[in-house]
PDB file of all heavy atoms in Angstrom:
ATOM      1  N   GLU A   1      24.441 -39.472   4.753  1.00  0.00           N
ATOM      2  CA  GLU A   1      24.451 -40.739   3.999  1.00  0.00           C
ATOM      3  C   GLU A   1      23.239 -41.572   4.304  1.00  0.00           C
ATOM      4  O   GLU A   1      22.706 -42.294   3.445  1.00  0.00           O
ATOM      5  CB  GLU A   1      25.732 -41.535   4.288  1.00  0.00           C
ATOM      6  CG  GLU A   1      27.019 -40.892   3.759  1.00  0.00           C
ATOM      7  CD  GLU A   1      27.558 -39.771   4.659  1.00  0.00           C
ATOM      8  OE1 GLU A   1      27.124 -39.700   5.815  1.00  0.00           O
ATOM      9  OE2 GLU A   1      28.384 -38.995   4.214  1.00  0.00           O
ATOM     10  N   GLU A   2      22.732 -41.544   5.553  1.00  0.00           N
ATOM     11  CA  GLU A   2      21.554 -42.258   5.909  1.00  0.00           C
ATOM     12  C   GLU A   2      20.293 -41.701   5.216  1.00  0.00           C
ATOM     13  O   GLU A   2      19.413 -42.458   4.821  1.00  0.00           O
ATOM     14  CB  GLU A   2      21.281 -42.174   7.433  1.00  0.00           C
ATOM     15  CG  GLU A   2      22.309 -42.925   8.234  1.00  0.00           C
ATOM     16  CD  GLU A   2      22.174 -42.617   9.745  1.00  0.00           C
ATOM     17  OE1 GLU A   2      21.528 -41.589  10.097  1.00  0.00           O
ATOM     18  OE2 GLU A   2      22.693 -43.385  10.493  1.00  0.00           O
ATOM     19  N   GLY A   3      20.221 -40.384   5.073  1.00  0.00           N
ATOM     20  CA  GLY A   3      19.027 -39.785   4.526  1.00  0.00           C
ATOM     21  C   GLY A   3      19.093 -39.503   3.032  1.00  0.00           C
ATOM     22  O   GLY A   3      18.145 -39.588   2.323  1.00  0.00           O
ATOM     23  N   GLY A   4      20.277 -39.117   2.592  1.00  0.00           N
ATOM     24  CA  GLY A   4      20.505 -38.859   1.199  1.00  0.00           C
ATOM     25  C   GLY A   4      20.418 -37.381   0.832  1.00  0.00           C
ATOM     26  O   GLY A   4      20.015 -36.547   1.600  1.00  0.00           O
ATOM     27  N   SER A   5      20.787 -37.088  -0.432  1.00  0.00           N
ATOM     28  CA  SER A   5      20.815 -35.745  -0.965  1.00  0.00           C
ATOM     29  C   SER A   5      20.194 -35.739  -2.332  1.00  0.00           C
ATOM     30  O   SER A   5      20.261 -36.737  -3.048  1.00  0.00           O
ATOM     31  CB  SER A   5      22.251 -35.230  -1.103  1.00  0.00           C
ATOM     32  OG  SER A   5      22.860 -35.177   0.173  1.00  0.00           O
ATOM     33  N   PHE A   6      19.577 -34.615  -2.705  1.00  0.00           N
ATOM     34  CA  PHE A   6      19.009 -34.472  -4.023  1.00  0.00           C
ATOM     35  C   PHE A   6      18.772 -32.985  -4.337  1.00  0.00           C
ATOM     36  O   PHE A   6      18.843 -32.142  -3.455  1.00  0.00           O
ATOM     37  CB  PHE A   6      17.712 -35.250  -4.192  1.00  0.00           C
ATOM     38  CG  PHE A   6      16.595 -34.807  -3.280  1.00  0.00           C
ATOM     39  CD1 PHE A   6      15.619 -33.890  -3.729  1.00  0.00           C
ATOM     40  CD2 PHE A   6      16.493 -35.274  -2.000  1.00  0.00           C
ATOM     41  CE1 PHE A   6      14.596 -33.477  -2.905  1.00  0.00           C
ATOM     42  CE2 PHE A   6      15.445 -34.861  -1.187  1.00  0.00           C
ATOM     43  CZ  PHE A   6      14.499 -33.966  -1.615  1.00  0.00           C
ATOM     44  N   SER A   7      18.568 -32.703  -5.608  1.00  0.00           N
ATOM     45  CA  SER A   7      18.293 -31.320  -6.048  1.00  0.00           C
ATOM     46  C   SER A   7      16.843 -31.226  -6.524  1.00  0.00           C
ATOM     47  O   SER A   7      16.329 -32.238  -7.110  1.00  0.00           O
ATOM     48  CB  SER A   7      19.205 -30.959  -7.206  1.00  0.00           C
ATOM     49  OG  SER A   7      20.574 -30.911  -6.767  1.00  0.00           O
ATOM     50  N   LYS A   8      16.215 -30.085  -6.319  1.00  0.00           N
ATOM     51  CA  LYS A   8      14.824 -29.925  -6.636  1.00  0.00           C
ATOM     52  C   LYS A   8      14.523 -28.426  -6.929  1.00  0.00           C
ATOM     53  O   LYS A   8      14.678 -27.630  -6.005  1.00  0.00           O
ATOM     54  CB  LYS A   8      13.968 -30.444  -5.502  1.00  0.00           C
ATOM     55  CG  LYS A   8      12.478 -30.249  -5.652  1.00  0.00           C
ATOM     56  CD  LYS A   8      11.758 -30.778  -4.402  1.00  0.00           C
ATOM     57  CE  LYS A   8      10.303 -30.482  -4.482  1.00  0.00           C
ATOM     58  NZ  LYS A   8       9.571 -30.907  -3.298  1.00  0.00           N
ATOM     59  N   HIS A   9      14.167 -28.082  -8.141  1.00  0.00           N
ATOM     60  CA  HIS A   9      13.727 -26.752  -8.488  1.00  0.00           C
ATOM     61  C   HIS A   9      14.676 -25.630  -8.027  1.00  0.00           C
ATOM     62  O   HIS A   9      14.214 -24.603  -7.517  1.00  0.00           O
ATOM     63  CB  HIS A   9      12.310 -26.469  -7.944  1.00  0.00           C
ATOM     64  CG  HIS A   9      11.348 -27.540  -8.289  1.00  0.00           C
ATOM     65  ND1 HIS A   9      10.963 -27.794  -9.585  1.00  0.00           N
ATOM     66  CD2 HIS A   9      10.639 -28.421  -7.506  1.00  0.00           C
ATOM     67  CE1 HIS A   9      10.094 -28.813  -9.626  1.00  0.00           C
ATOM     68  NE2 HIS A   9       9.913 -29.196  -8.373  1.00  0.00           N
ATOM     69  N   GLY A  10      15.961 -25.869  -8.181  1.00  0.00           N
ATOM     70  CA  GLY A  10      16.983 -24.832  -7.912  1.00  0.00           C
ATOM     71  C   GLY A  10      17.598 -24.876  -6.536  1.00  0.00           C
ATOM     72  O   GLY A  10      18.444 -24.090  -6.191  1.00  0.00           O
ATOM     73  N   ILE A  11      17.244 -25.899  -5.720  1.00  0.00           N
ATOM     74  CA  ILE A  11      17.859 -26.039  -4.401  1.00  0.00           C
ATOM     75  C   ILE A  11      18.477 -27.428  -4.267  1.00  0.00           C
ATOM     76  O   ILE A  11      18.060 -28.371  -4.884  1.00  0.00           O
ATOM     77  CB  ILE A  11      16.866 -25.794  -3.259  1.00  0.00           C
ATOM     78  CG1 ILE A  11      15.689 -26.797  -3.263  1.00  0.00           C
ATOM     79  CG2 ILE A  11      16.339 -24.377  -3.291  1.00  0.00           C
ATOM     80  CD1 ILE A  11      14.771 -26.709  -2.064  1.00  0.00           C
ATOM     81  N   ASP A  12      19.508 -27.475  -3.431  1.00  0.00           N
ATOM     82  CA  ASP A  12      20.171 -28.733  -3.095  1.00  0.00           C
ATOM     83  C   ASP A  12      19.773 -29.086  -1.665  1.00  0.00           C
ATOM     84  O   ASP A  12      19.953 -28.234  -0.758  1.00  0.00           O
ATOM     85  CB  ASP A  12      21.679 -28.647  -3.264  1.00  0.00           C
ATOM     86  CG  ASP A  12      22.096 -28.370  -4.678  1.00  0.00           C
ATOM     87  OD1 ASP A  12      21.483 -28.997  -5.589  1.00  0.00           O
ATOM     88  OD2 ASP A  12      23.032 -27.622  -4.893  1.00  0.00           O
ATOM     89  N   LEU A  13      19.291 -30.302  -1.411  1.00  0.00           N
ATOM     90  CA  LEU A  13      18.866 -30.701  -0.100  1.00  0.00           C
ATOM     91  C   LEU A  13      19.659 -31.897   0.379  1.00  0.00           C
ATOM     92  O   LEU A  13      19.915 -32.819  -0.392  1.00  0.00           O
ATOM     93  CB  LEU A  13      17.378 -31.078  -0.139  1.00  0.00           C
ATOM     94  CG  LEU A  13      16.428 -29.948  -0.437  1.00  0.00           C
ATOM     95  CD1 LEU A  13      15.385 -30.387  -1.415  1.00  0.00           C
ATOM     96  CD2 LEU A  13      15.773 -29.501   0.860  1.00  0.00           C
ATOM     97  N   SER A  14      20.036 -31.879   1.658  1.00  0.00           N
ATOM     98  CA  SER A  14      20.600 -33.025   2.330  1.00  0.00           C
ATOM     99  C   SER A  14      19.635 -33.337   3.496  1.00  0.00           C
ATOM    100  O   SER A  14      19.446 -32.500   4.380  1.00  0.00           O
ATOM    101  CB  SER A  14      22.002 -32.689   2.904  1.00  0.00           C
ATOM    102  OG  SER A  14      22.880 -32.333   1.851  1.00  0.00           O
ATOM    103  N   ILE A  15      19.062 -34.520   3.497  1.00  0.00           N
ATOM    104  CA  ILE A  15      17.997 -34.879   4.467  1.00  0.00           C
ATOM    105  C   ILE A  15      18.633 -35.698   5.568  1.00  0.00           C
ATOM    106  O   ILE A  15      19.424 -36.572   5.329  1.00  0.00           O
ATOM    107  CB  ILE A  15      16.902 -35.705   3.742  1.00  0.00           C
ATOM    108  CG1 ILE A  15      16.374 -34.973   2.517  1.00  0.00           C
ATOM    109  CG2 ILE A  15      15.778 -36.021   4.732  1.00  0.00           C
ATOM    110  CD1 ILE A  15      15.748 -33.632   2.759  1.00  0.00           C
ATOM    111  N   TYR A  16      18.194 -35.445   6.808  1.00  0.00           N
ATOM    112  CA  TYR A  16      18.692 -36.133   7.994  1.00  0.00           C
ATOM    113  C   TYR A  16      17.563 -36.840   8.715  1.00  0.00           C
ATOM    114  O   TYR A  16      16.499 -36.242   8.918  1.00  0.00           O
ATOM    115  CB  TYR A  16      19.355 -35.151   8.928  1.00  0.00           C
ATOM    116  CG  TYR A  16      20.605 -34.551   8.374  1.00  0.00           C
ATOM    117  CD1 TYR A  16      20.480 -33.377   7.592  1.00  0.00           C
ATOM    118  CD2 TYR A  16      21.831 -35.105   8.517  1.00  0.00           C
ATOM    119  CE1 TYR A  16      21.602 -32.783   7.058  1.00  0.00           C
ATOM    120  CE2 TYR A  16      22.986 -34.523   7.989  1.00  0.00           C
ATOM    121  CZ  TYR A  16      22.848 -33.391   7.250  1.00  0.00           C
ATOM    122  OH  TYR A  16      23.975 -32.816   6.682  1.00  0.00           O
ATOM    123  N   GLY A  17      17.757 -38.062   9.160  1.00  0.00           N
ATOM    124  CA  GLY A  17      16.925 -38.736  10.123  1.00  0.00           C
ATOM    125  C   GLY A  17      15.473 -38.870   9.759  1.00  0.00           C
ATOM    126  O   GLY A  17      14.620 -38.212  10.338  1.00  0.00           O
ATOM    127  N   HIS A  18      15.147 -39.764   8.842  1.00  0.00           N
ATOM    128  CA  HIS A  18      13.746 -40.024   8.463  1.00  0.00           C
ATOM    129  C   HIS A  18      13.018 -40.853   9.504  1.00  0.00           C
ATOM    130  O   HIS A  18      11.810 -41.129   9.358  1.00  0.00           O
ATOM    131  CB  HIS A  18      13.699 -40.734   7.105  1.00  0.00           C
ATOM    132  CG  HIS A  18      13.958 -39.844   5.979  1.00  0.00           C
ATOM    133  ND1 HIS A  18      12.980 -38.974   5.462  1.00  0.00           N
ATOM    134  CD2 HIS A  18      15.026 -39.652   5.220  1.00  0.00           C
ATOM    135  CE1 HIS A  18      13.471 -38.289   4.464  1.00  0.00           C
ATOM    136  NE2 HIS A  18      14.714 -38.689   4.290  1.00  0.00           N
ATOM    137  N   SER A  19      13.671 -41.336  10.554  1.00  0.00           N
ATOM    138  CA  SER A  19      13.065 -42.267  11.493  1.00  0.00           C
ATOM    139  C   SER A  19      12.130 -41.602  12.514  1.00  0.00           C
ATOM    140  O   SER A  19      11.392 -42.269  13.203  1.00  0.00           O
ATOM    141  CB  SER A  19      14.139 -43.071  12.196  1.00  0.00           C
ATOM    142  OG  SER A  19      14.972 -42.172  12.951  1.00  0.00           O
ATOM    143  N   ASP A  20      12.150 -40.289  12.616  1.00  0.00           N
ATOM    144  CA  ASP A  20      11.371 -39.589  13.655  1.00  0.00           C
ATOM    145  C   ASP A  20      10.185 -38.938  13.009  1.00  0.00           C
ATOM    146  O   ASP A  20      10.314 -37.984  12.223  1.00  0.00           O
ATOM    147  CB  ASP A  20      12.257 -38.540  14.330  1.00  0.00           C
ATOM    148  CG  ASP A  20      11.607 -37.930  15.544  1.00  0.00           C
ATOM    149  OD1 ASP A  20      10.318 -37.997  15.670  1.00  0.00           O
ATOM    150  OD2 ASP A  20      12.312 -37.355  16.353  1.00  0.00           O
ATOM    151  N   PRO A  21       8.940 -39.365  13.318  1.00  0.00           N
ATOM    152  CA  PRO A  21       7.757 -38.780  12.706  1.00  0.00           C
ATOM    153  C   PRO A  21       7.452 -37.374  13.143  1.00  0.00           C
ATOM    154  O   PRO A  21       6.619 -36.711  12.557  1.00  0.00           O
ATOM    155  CB  PRO A  21       6.632 -39.748  13.101  1.00  0.00           C
ATOM    156  CG  PRO A  21       7.098 -40.370  14.328  1.00  0.00           C
ATOM    157  CD  PRO A  21       8.600 -40.441  14.238  1.00  0.00           C
ATOM    158  N   SER A  22       8.143 -36.877  14.178  1.00  0.00           N
ATOM    159  CA  SER A  22       7.862 -35.520  14.641  1.00  0.00           C
ATOM    160  C   SER A  22       8.479 -34.437  13.800  1.00  0.00           C
ATOM    161  O   SER A  22       8.021 -33.319  13.765  1.00  0.00           O
ATOM    162  CB  SER A  22       8.287 -35.352  16.118  1.00  0.00           C
ATOM    163  OG  SER A  22       9.718 -35.431  16.213  1.00  0.00           O
ATOM    164  N   ALA A  23       9.547 -34.765  13.050  1.00  0.00           N
ATOM    165  CA  ALA A  23      10.233 -33.727  12.277  1.00  0.00           C
ATOM    166  C   ALA A  23      11.136 -34.354  11.175  1.00  0.00           C
ATOM    167  O   ALA A  23      11.663 -35.435  11.363  1.00  0.00           O
ATOM    168  CB  ALA A  23      11.057 -32.819  13.139  1.00  0.00           C
ATOM    169  N   THR A  24      11.286 -33.588  10.090  1.00  0.00           N
ATOM    170  CA  THR A  24      12.320 -33.860   9.089  1.00  0.00           C
ATOM    171  C   THR A  24      13.254 -32.695   9.138  1.00  0.00           C
ATOM    172  O   THR A  24      12.798 -31.540   9.159  1.00  0.00           O
ATOM    173  CB  THR A  24      11.703 -34.014   7.689  1.00  0.00           C
ATOM    174  OG1 THR A  24      10.778 -35.071   7.692  1.00  0.00           O
ATOM    175  CG2 THR A  24      12.765 -34.241   6.621  1.00  0.00           C
ATOM    176  N   VAL A  25      14.538 -32.953   9.092  1.00  0.00           N
ATOM    177  CA  VAL A  25      15.545 -31.875   9.171  1.00  0.00           C
ATOM    178  C   VAL A  25      16.367 -31.985   7.901  1.00  0.00           C
ATOM    179  O   VAL A  25      16.774 -33.061   7.482  1.00  0.00           O
ATOM    180  CB  VAL A  25      16.413 -31.944  10.418  1.00  0.00           C
ATOM    181  CG1 VAL A  25      17.505 -30.887  10.393  1.00  0.00           C
ATOM    182  CG2 VAL A  25      15.583 -31.836  11.669  1.00  0.00           C
ATOM    183  N   ALA A  26      16.630 -30.821   7.251  1.00  0.00           N
ATOM    184  CA  ALA A  26      17.389 -30.828   5.996  1.00  0.00           C
ATOM    185  C   ALA A  26      18.333 -29.595   6.010  1.00  0.00           C
ATOM    186  O   ALA A  26      18.011 -28.542   6.549  1.00  0.00           O
ATOM    187  CB  ALA A  26      16.460 -30.766   4.810  1.00  0.00           C
ATOM    188  N   ARG A  27      19.450 -29.781   5.335  1.00  0.00           N
ATOM    189  CA  ARG A  27      20.338 -28.664   5.015  1.00  0.00           C
ATOM    190  C   ARG A  27      19.950 -28.241   3.586  1.00  0.00           C
ATOM    191  O   ARG A  27      19.913 -29.087   2.667  1.00  0.00           O
ATOM    192  CB  ARG A  27      21.777 -29.084   5.071  1.00  0.00           C
ATOM    193  CG  ARG A  27      22.765 -28.013   4.667  1.00  0.00           C
ATOM    194  CD  ARG A  27      24.198 -28.559   4.823  1.00  0.00           C
ATOM    195  NE  ARG A  27      25.106 -27.588   4.279  1.00  0.00           N
ATOM    196  CZ  ARG A  27      26.088 -27.906   3.414  1.00  0.00           C
ATOM    197  NH1 ARG A  27      26.218 -29.149   2.985  1.00  0.00           N
ATOM    198  NH2 ARG A  27      26.888 -26.978   2.959  1.00  0.00           N
ATOM    199  N   VAL A  28      19.694 -26.947   3.398  1.00  0.00           N
ATOM    200  CA  VAL A  28      19.290 -26.437   2.103  1.00  0.00           C
ATOM    201  C   VAL A  28      20.355 -25.459   1.633  1.00  0.00           C
ATOM    202  O   VAL A  28      20.778 -24.556   2.320  1.00  0.00           O
ATOM    203  CB  VAL A  28      17.937 -25.668   2.204  1.00  0.00           C
ATOM    204  CG1 VAL A  28      17.520 -25.112   0.870  1.00  0.00           C
ATOM    205  CG2 VAL A  28      16.834 -26.580   2.759  1.00  0.00           C
ATOM    206  N   GLN A  29      20.791 -25.648   0.377  1.00  0.00           N
ATOM    207  CA  GLN A  29      21.712 -24.737  -0.284  1.00  0.00           C
ATOM    208  C   GLN A  29      21.051 -24.236  -1.551  1.00  0.00           C
ATOM    209  O   GLN A  29      20.540 -25.025  -2.335  1.00  0.00           O
ATOM    210  CB  GLN A  29      23.040 -25.449  -0.616  1.00  0.00           C
ATOM    211  CG  GLN A  29      23.807 -25.795   0.662  1.00  0.00           C
ATOM    212  CD  GLN A  29      25.120 -26.459   0.284  1.00  0.00           C
ATOM    213  OE1 GLN A  29      25.167 -27.573  -0.187  1.00  0.00           O
ATOM    214  NE2 GLN A  29      26.196 -25.776   0.563  1.00  0.00           N
ATOM    215  N   VAL A  30      21.031 -22.901  -1.682  1.00  0.00           N
ATOM    216  CA  VAL A  30      20.407 -22.323  -2.823  1.00  0.00           C
ATOM    217  C   VAL A  30      21.337 -21.253  -3.401  1.00  0.00           C
ATOM    218  O   VAL A  30      21.906 -20.480  -2.630  1.00  0.00           O
ATOM    219  CB  VAL A  30      18.994 -21.750  -2.482  1.00  0.00           C
ATOM    220  CG1 VAL A  30      19.067 -20.710  -1.369  1.00  0.00           C
ATOM    221  CG2 VAL A  30      18.290 -21.168  -3.657  1.00  0.00           C
ATOM    222  N   LYS A  31      21.505 -21.246  -4.692  1.00  0.00           N
ATOM    223  CA  LYS A  31      22.411 -20.266  -5.355  1.00  0.00           C
ATOM    224  C   LYS A  31      21.637 -19.060  -5.917  1.00  0.00           C
ATOM    225  O   LYS A  31      22.111 -17.938  -5.902  1.00  0.00           O
ATOM    226  CB  LYS A  31      23.165 -20.907  -6.447  1.00  0.00           C
ATOM    227  CG  LYS A  31      24.176 -21.930  -5.937  1.00  0.00           C
ATOM    228  CD  LYS A  31      24.939 -22.591  -7.057  1.00  0.00           C
ATOM    229  CE  LYS A  31      25.882 -23.627  -6.447  1.00  0.00           C
ATOM    230  NZ  LYS A  31      26.467 -24.504  -7.425  1.00  0.00           N
ATOM    231  N   ARG A  32      20.368 -19.305  -6.418  1.00  0.00           N
ATOM    232  CA  ARG A  32      19.565 -18.232  -6.989  1.00  0.00           C
ATOM    233  C   ARG A  32      18.172 -18.214  -6.489  1.00  0.00           C
ATOM    234  O   ARG A  32      17.590 -17.141  -6.343  1.00  0.00           O
ATOM    235  CB  ARG A  32      19.565 -18.377  -8.533  1.00  0.00           C
ATOM    236  CG  ARG A  32      20.945 -18.164  -9.147  1.00  0.00           C
ATOM    237  CD  ARG A  32      20.920 -17.971 -10.663  1.00  0.00           C
ATOM    238  NE  ARG A  32      20.024 -16.874 -11.037  1.00  0.00           N
ATOM    239  CZ  ARG A  32      19.115 -16.930 -11.977  1.00  0.00           C
ATOM    240  NH1 ARG A  32      18.902 -18.056 -12.647  1.00  0.00           N
ATOM    241  NH2 ARG A  32      18.365 -15.934 -12.283  1.00  0.00           N
ATOM    242  N   GLY A  33      17.580 -19.365  -6.295  1.00  0.00           N
ATOM    243  CA  GLY A  33      16.195 -19.382  -5.819  1.00  0.00           C
ATOM    244  C   GLY A  33      15.582 -20.746  -5.867  1.00  0.00           C
ATOM    245  O   GLY A  33      16.108 -21.679  -6.492  1.00  0.00           O
ATOM    246  N   HIS A  34      14.467 -20.910  -5.179  1.00  0.00           N
ATOM    247  CA  HIS A  34      13.628 -22.105  -5.191  1.00  0.00           C
ATOM    248  C   HIS A  34      12.553 -21.809  -6.193  1.00  0.00           C
ATOM    249  O   HIS A  34      11.632 -21.059  -5.871  1.00  0.00           O
ATOM    250  CB  HIS A  34      13.080 -22.435  -3.818  1.00  0.00           C
ATOM    251  CG  HIS A  34      12.379 -23.750  -3.795  1.00  0.00           C
ATOM    252  ND1 HIS A  34      11.498 -24.048  -2.800  1.00  0.00           N
ATOM    253  CD2 HIS A  34      12.387 -24.824  -4.605  1.00  0.00           C
ATOM    254  CE1 HIS A  34      11.001 -25.277  -2.988  1.00  0.00           C
ATOM    255  NE2 HIS A  34      11.551 -25.768  -4.102  1.00  0.00           N
ATOM    256  N   PHE A  35      12.606 -22.395  -7.382  1.00  0.00           N
ATOM    257  CA  PHE A  35      11.781 -22.010  -8.505  1.00  0.00           C
ATOM    258  C   PHE A  35      10.476 -22.792  -8.585  1.00  0.00           C
ATOM    259  O   PHE A  35       9.999 -23.134  -9.648  1.00  0.00           O
ATOM    260  CB  PHE A  35      12.562 -22.123  -9.812  1.00  0.00           C
ATOM    261  CG  PHE A  35      13.753 -21.193  -9.814  1.00  0.00           C
ATOM    262  CD1 PHE A  35      15.038 -21.676  -9.603  1.00  0.00           C
ATOM    263  CD2 PHE A  35      13.567 -19.826  -9.954  1.00  0.00           C
ATOM    264  CE1 PHE A  35      16.120 -20.808  -9.588  1.00  0.00           C
ATOM    265  CE2 PHE A  35      14.633 -18.959  -9.940  1.00  0.00           C
ATOM    266  CZ  PHE A  35      15.924 -19.450  -9.736  1.00  0.00           C
ATOM    267  N   GLN A  36       9.886 -23.028  -7.417  1.00  0.00           N
ATOM    268  CA  GLN A  36       8.576 -23.659  -7.332  1.00  0.00           C
ATOM    269  C   GLN A  36       7.831 -23.024  -6.165  1.00  0.00           C
ATOM    270  O   GLN A  36       8.351 -22.972  -5.063  1.00  0.00           O
ATOM    271  CB  GLN A  36       8.663 -25.159  -7.076  1.00  0.00           C
ATOM    272  CG  GLN A  36       7.284 -25.801  -6.934  1.00  0.00           C
ATOM    273  CD  GLN A  36       7.299 -27.186  -6.285  1.00  0.00           C
ATOM    274  OE1 GLN A  36       8.178 -27.460  -5.536  1.00  0.00           O
ATOM    275  NE2 GLN A  36       6.309 -27.971  -6.562  1.00  0.00           N
ATOM    276  N   GLU A  37       6.651 -22.514  -6.394  1.00  0.00           N
ATOM    277  CA  GLU A  37       5.806 -22.062  -5.326  1.00  0.00           C
ATOM    278  C   GLU A  37       4.948 -23.259  -4.893  1.00  0.00           C
ATOM    279  O   GLU A  37       4.416 -23.973  -5.720  1.00  0.00           O
ATOM    280  CB  GLU A  37       4.880 -20.916  -5.766  1.00  0.00           C
ATOM    281  CG  GLU A  37       4.067 -20.331  -4.653  1.00  0.00           C
ATOM    282  CD  GLU A  37       3.248 -19.116  -5.082  1.00  0.00           C
ATOM    283  OE1 GLU A  37       3.153 -18.851  -6.317  1.00  0.00           O
ATOM    284  OE2 GLU A  37       2.752 -18.415  -4.206  1.00  0.00           O
ATOM    285  N   PHE A  38       4.917 -23.487  -3.576  1.00  0.00           N
ATOM    286  CA  PHE A  38       4.227 -24.664  -3.045  1.00  0.00           C
ATOM    287  C   PHE A  38       3.634 -24.306  -1.682  1.00  0.00           C
ATOM    288  O   PHE A  38       3.928 -23.243  -1.105  1.00  0.00           O
ATOM    289  CB  PHE A  38       5.179 -25.848  -2.937  1.00  0.00           C
ATOM    290  CG  PHE A  38       6.248 -25.650  -1.879  1.00  0.00           C
ATOM    291  CD1 PHE A  38       6.061 -26.220  -0.596  1.00  0.00           C
ATOM    292  CD2 PHE A  38       7.396 -24.951  -2.144  1.00  0.00           C
ATOM    293  CE1 PHE A  38       7.047 -26.040   0.395  1.00  0.00           C
ATOM    294  CE2 PHE A  38       8.378 -24.753  -1.163  1.00  0.00           C
ATOM    295  CZ  PHE A  38       8.209 -25.316   0.074  1.00  0.00           C
ATOM    296  N   SER A  39       2.850 -25.232  -1.157  1.00  0.00           N
ATOM    297  CA  SER A  39       2.362 -25.113   0.223  1.00  0.00           C
ATOM    298  C   SER A  39       2.301 -26.568   0.783  1.00  0.00           C
ATOM    299  O   SER A  39       2.397 -27.514   0.043  1.00  0.00           O
ATOM    300  CB  SER A  39       0.976 -24.453   0.270  1.00  0.00           C
ATOM    301  OG  SER A  39       0.020 -25.268  -0.348  1.00  0.00           O
ATOM    302  N   ASN A  40       2.171 -26.612   2.095  1.00  0.00           N
ATOM    303  CA  ASN A  40       2.006 -27.913   2.740  1.00  0.00           C
ATOM    304  C   ASN A  40       0.781 -27.842   3.622  1.00  0.00           C
ATOM    305  O   ASN A  40       0.622 -26.951   4.441  1.00  0.00           O
ATOM    306  CB  ASN A  40       3.235 -28.266   3.575  1.00  0.00           C
ATOM    307  CG  ASN A  40       3.209 -29.680   4.061  1.00  0.00           C
ATOM    308  OD1 ASN A  40       2.382 -30.086   4.838  1.00  0.00           O
ATOM    309  ND2 ASN A  40       4.233 -30.466   3.642  1.00  0.00           N
ATOM    310  N   GLU A  41      -0.125 -28.770   3.442  1.00  0.00           N
ATOM    311  CA  GLU A  41      -1.399 -28.766   4.176  1.00  0.00           C
ATOM    312  C   GLU A  41      -1.271 -29.080   5.667  1.00  0.00           C
ATOM    313  O   GLU A  41      -2.128 -28.676   6.464  1.00  0.00           O
ATOM    314  CB  GLU A  41      -2.354 -29.766   3.547  1.00  0.00           C
ATOM    315  CG  GLU A  41      -2.863 -29.358   2.185  1.00  0.00           C
ATOM    316  CD  GLU A  41      -3.888 -30.303   1.628  1.00  0.00           C
ATOM    317  OE1 GLU A  41      -4.069 -31.412   2.155  1.00  0.00           O
ATOM    318  OE2 GLU A  41      -4.515 -29.938   0.614  1.00  0.00           O
ATOM    319  N   ARG A  42      -0.223 -29.807   6.047  1.00  0.00           N
ATOM    320  CA  ARG A  42      -0.149 -30.329   7.409  1.00  0.00           C
ATOM    321  C   ARG A  42       1.014 -29.811   8.199  1.00  0.00           C
ATOM    322  O   ARG A  42       0.933 -29.586   9.404  1.00  0.00           O
ATOM    323  CB  ARG A  42      -0.084 -31.864   7.356  1.00  0.00           C
ATOM    324  CG  ARG A  42      -0.115 -32.554   8.688  1.00  0.00           C
ATOM    325  CD  ARG A  42      -0.129 -34.094   8.475  1.00  0.00           C
ATOM    326  NE  ARG A  42       1.077 -34.544   7.792  1.00  0.00           N
ATOM    327  CZ  ARG A  42       2.106 -35.141   8.420  1.00  0.00           C
ATOM    328  NH1 ARG A  42       2.076 -35.337   9.719  1.00  0.00           N
ATOM    329  NH2 ARG A  42       3.147 -35.552   7.735  1.00  0.00           N
ATOM    330  N   SER A  43       2.152 -29.575   7.535  1.00  0.00           N
ATOM    331  CA  SER A  43       3.406 -29.290   8.263  1.00  0.00           C
ATOM    332  C   SER A  43       3.765 -27.818   8.230  1.00  0.00           C
ATOM    333  O   SER A  43       3.491 -27.077   7.280  1.00  0.00           O
ATOM    334  CB  SER A  43       4.553 -30.088   7.663  1.00  0.00           C
ATOM    335  OG  SER A  43       4.323 -31.451   7.773  1.00  0.00           O
ATOM    336  N   SER A  44       4.471 -27.392   9.265  1.00  0.00           N
ATOM    337  CA  SER A  44       5.132 -26.084   9.353  1.00  0.00           C
ATOM    338  C   SER A  44       6.588 -26.257   8.825  1.00  0.00           C
ATOM    339  O   SER A  44       7.167 -27.319   9.032  1.00  0.00           O
ATOM    340  CB  SER A  44       5.158 -25.553  10.787  1.00  0.00           C
ATOM    341  OG  SER A  44       3.879 -25.282  11.223  1.00  0.00           O
ATOM    342  N   TYR A  45       7.087 -25.212   8.185  1.00  0.00           N
ATOM    343  CA  TYR A  45       8.482 -25.190   7.774  1.00  0.00           C
ATOM    344  C   TYR A  45       9.187 -24.122   8.572  1.00  0.00           C
ATOM    345  O   TYR A  45       8.693 -22.995   8.646  1.00  0.00           O
ATOM    346  CB  TYR A  45       8.565 -24.840   6.259  1.00  0.00           C
ATOM    347  CG  TYR A  45       8.201 -25.986   5.338  1.00  0.00           C
ATOM    348  CD1 TYR A  45       6.940 -26.574   5.392  1.00  0.00           C
ATOM    349  CD2 TYR A  45       9.073 -26.408   4.392  1.00  0.00           C
ATOM    350  CE1 TYR A  45       6.636 -27.634   4.527  1.00  0.00           C
ATOM    351  CE2 TYR A  45       8.754 -27.447   3.516  1.00  0.00           C
ATOM    352  CZ  TYR A  45       7.507 -28.061   3.593  1.00  0.00           C
ATOM    353  OH  TYR A  45       7.170 -29.063   2.744  1.00  0.00           O
TER     354      TYR A  45
END
C-alpha cells in the first residue's frame, strides 16, 4: 500500500519501500511475458 501496484507491458508489479536509494524491491507476476525489451544504464536487476 505504501509503494503501490501497477501493470506494464504484460506484467503486474507491486513496489515496496521507495525510501531506500540503495534498492527498489518489487513482486512481479507474469502470465505470458514482459512484452517490452529494455535495458537500464545504471542499475542491476
